[in-house]
Amino acid sequence: MPAFVGAVNVVSVSSSSVFQIGDVYMMQPMSSAKTFAGGGSFNTGDHIEVELGFSQVYVYDKDFVDQGVIG
């Protein structure tokens, strides 16, 4: 059944959003990210104690471009 849509006011749509008006069969938003983190990162839980002393992350990515996301 077709959708009848009235006036629409879009203020902003971020880069990882989907904006759809009317009928749709399937929506498949995709995104990718590269994260660099040092030791002791991404810990979750209660009462975590991390003793690293001196921690430094060295990143060398010679190709600058990674595999793209294709739908």
Protein backbone atom coordinates (compact mmCIF):
# COMPACT_ATOMS: atom_id res chain seq x y z
CA MET A 1 0.00 0.00 0.00
CA PRO A 2 1.55 3.33 -0.98
CA ALA A 3 2.40 5.82 1.72
CA PHE A 4 1.12 9.36 1.60
CA VAL A 5 3.54 11.73 3.30
CA GLY A 6 2.81 15.34 4.21
CA ALA A 7 5.31 18.13 4.85
CA VAL A 8 8.73 17.05 6.11
CA ASN A 9 11.34 19.25 7.76
CA VAL A 10 14.81 17.68 7.97
CA VAL A 11 17.19 19.62 10.18
CA SER A 12 20.22 17.35 9.80
CA VAL A 13 21.19 13.79 8.92
CA SER A 14 24.49 12.48 10.22
CA SER A 15 26.87 10.38 8.15
CA SER A 16 25.85 7.11 9.81
CA SER A 17 22.07 7.68 9.60
CA VAL A 18 19.30 6.48 7.33
CA PHE A 19 16.56 8.88 6.22
CA GLN A 20 13.58 7.23 4.58
CA ILE A 21 10.18 8.56 3.55
CA GLY A 22 7.43 6.27 2.31
CA ASP A 23 7.39 2.54 1.73
CA VAL A 24 10.56 0.51 1.93
CA TYR A 25 11.35 -3.19 1.58
CA MET A 26 14.74 -3.33 3.27
CA MET A 27 17.16 -0.84 4.81
CA GLN A 28 20.76 -1.81 5.42
CA PRO A 29 22.93 0.95 6.91
CA MET A 30 26.66 0.19 6.99
CA SER A 31 29.67 1.84 8.55
CA SER A 32 33.26 1.02 9.36
CA ALA A 33 35.83 2.32 11.80
CA LYS A 34 39.46 1.81 12.72
CA THR A 35 40.41 2.16 16.37
CA PHE A 36 43.85 2.36 17.95
CA ALA A 37 44.18 1.95 21.69
CA GLY A 38 46.93 1.26 24.17
CA GLY A 39 47.24 -1.38 26.82
CA GLY A 40 44.49 -1.39 29.42
CA SER A 41 41.92 0.07 27.04
CA PHE A 42 38.35 -1.16 26.62
CA ASN A 43 38.18 -2.73 30.08
CA THR A 44 34.68 -3.09 31.49
CA GLY A 45 33.47 -4.22 34.88
CA ASP A 46 33.47 -3.17 38.49
CA HIS A 47 36.62 -2.27 40.48
CA ILE A 48 39.17 -2.66 37.68
CA GLU A 49 42.75 -1.72 38.51
CA VAL A 50 45.24 -1.41 35.66
CA GLU A 51 48.91 -0.67 36.34
CA LEU A 52 50.77 -0.15 33.09
CA GLY A 53 53.43 2.34 34.03
CA PHE A 54 54.46 3.85 30.69
CA SER A 55 52.18 2.84 27.81
CA GLN A 56 52.39 4.17 24.28
CA VAL A 57 50.74 3.09 21.04
CA TYR A 58 52.78 3.16 17.83
CA VAL A 59 50.72 3.05 14.63
CA TYR A 60 52.26 2.58 11.21
CA ASP A 61 49.75 2.12 8.38
CA LYS A 62 51.68 2.38 5.14
CA ASP A 63 48.75 1.87 2.76
CA PHE A 64 46.52 4.61 4.28
CA VAL A 65 43.41 2.96 2.76
CA ASP A 66 41.64 -0.12 4.08
CA GLN A 67 39.03 -2.35 2.52
CA GLY A 68 35.83 -0.42 1.83
CA VAL A 69 32.33 -1.32 2.91
CA ILE A 70 30.20 -2.38 -0.07
CA GLY A 71 26.47 -3.07 0.23
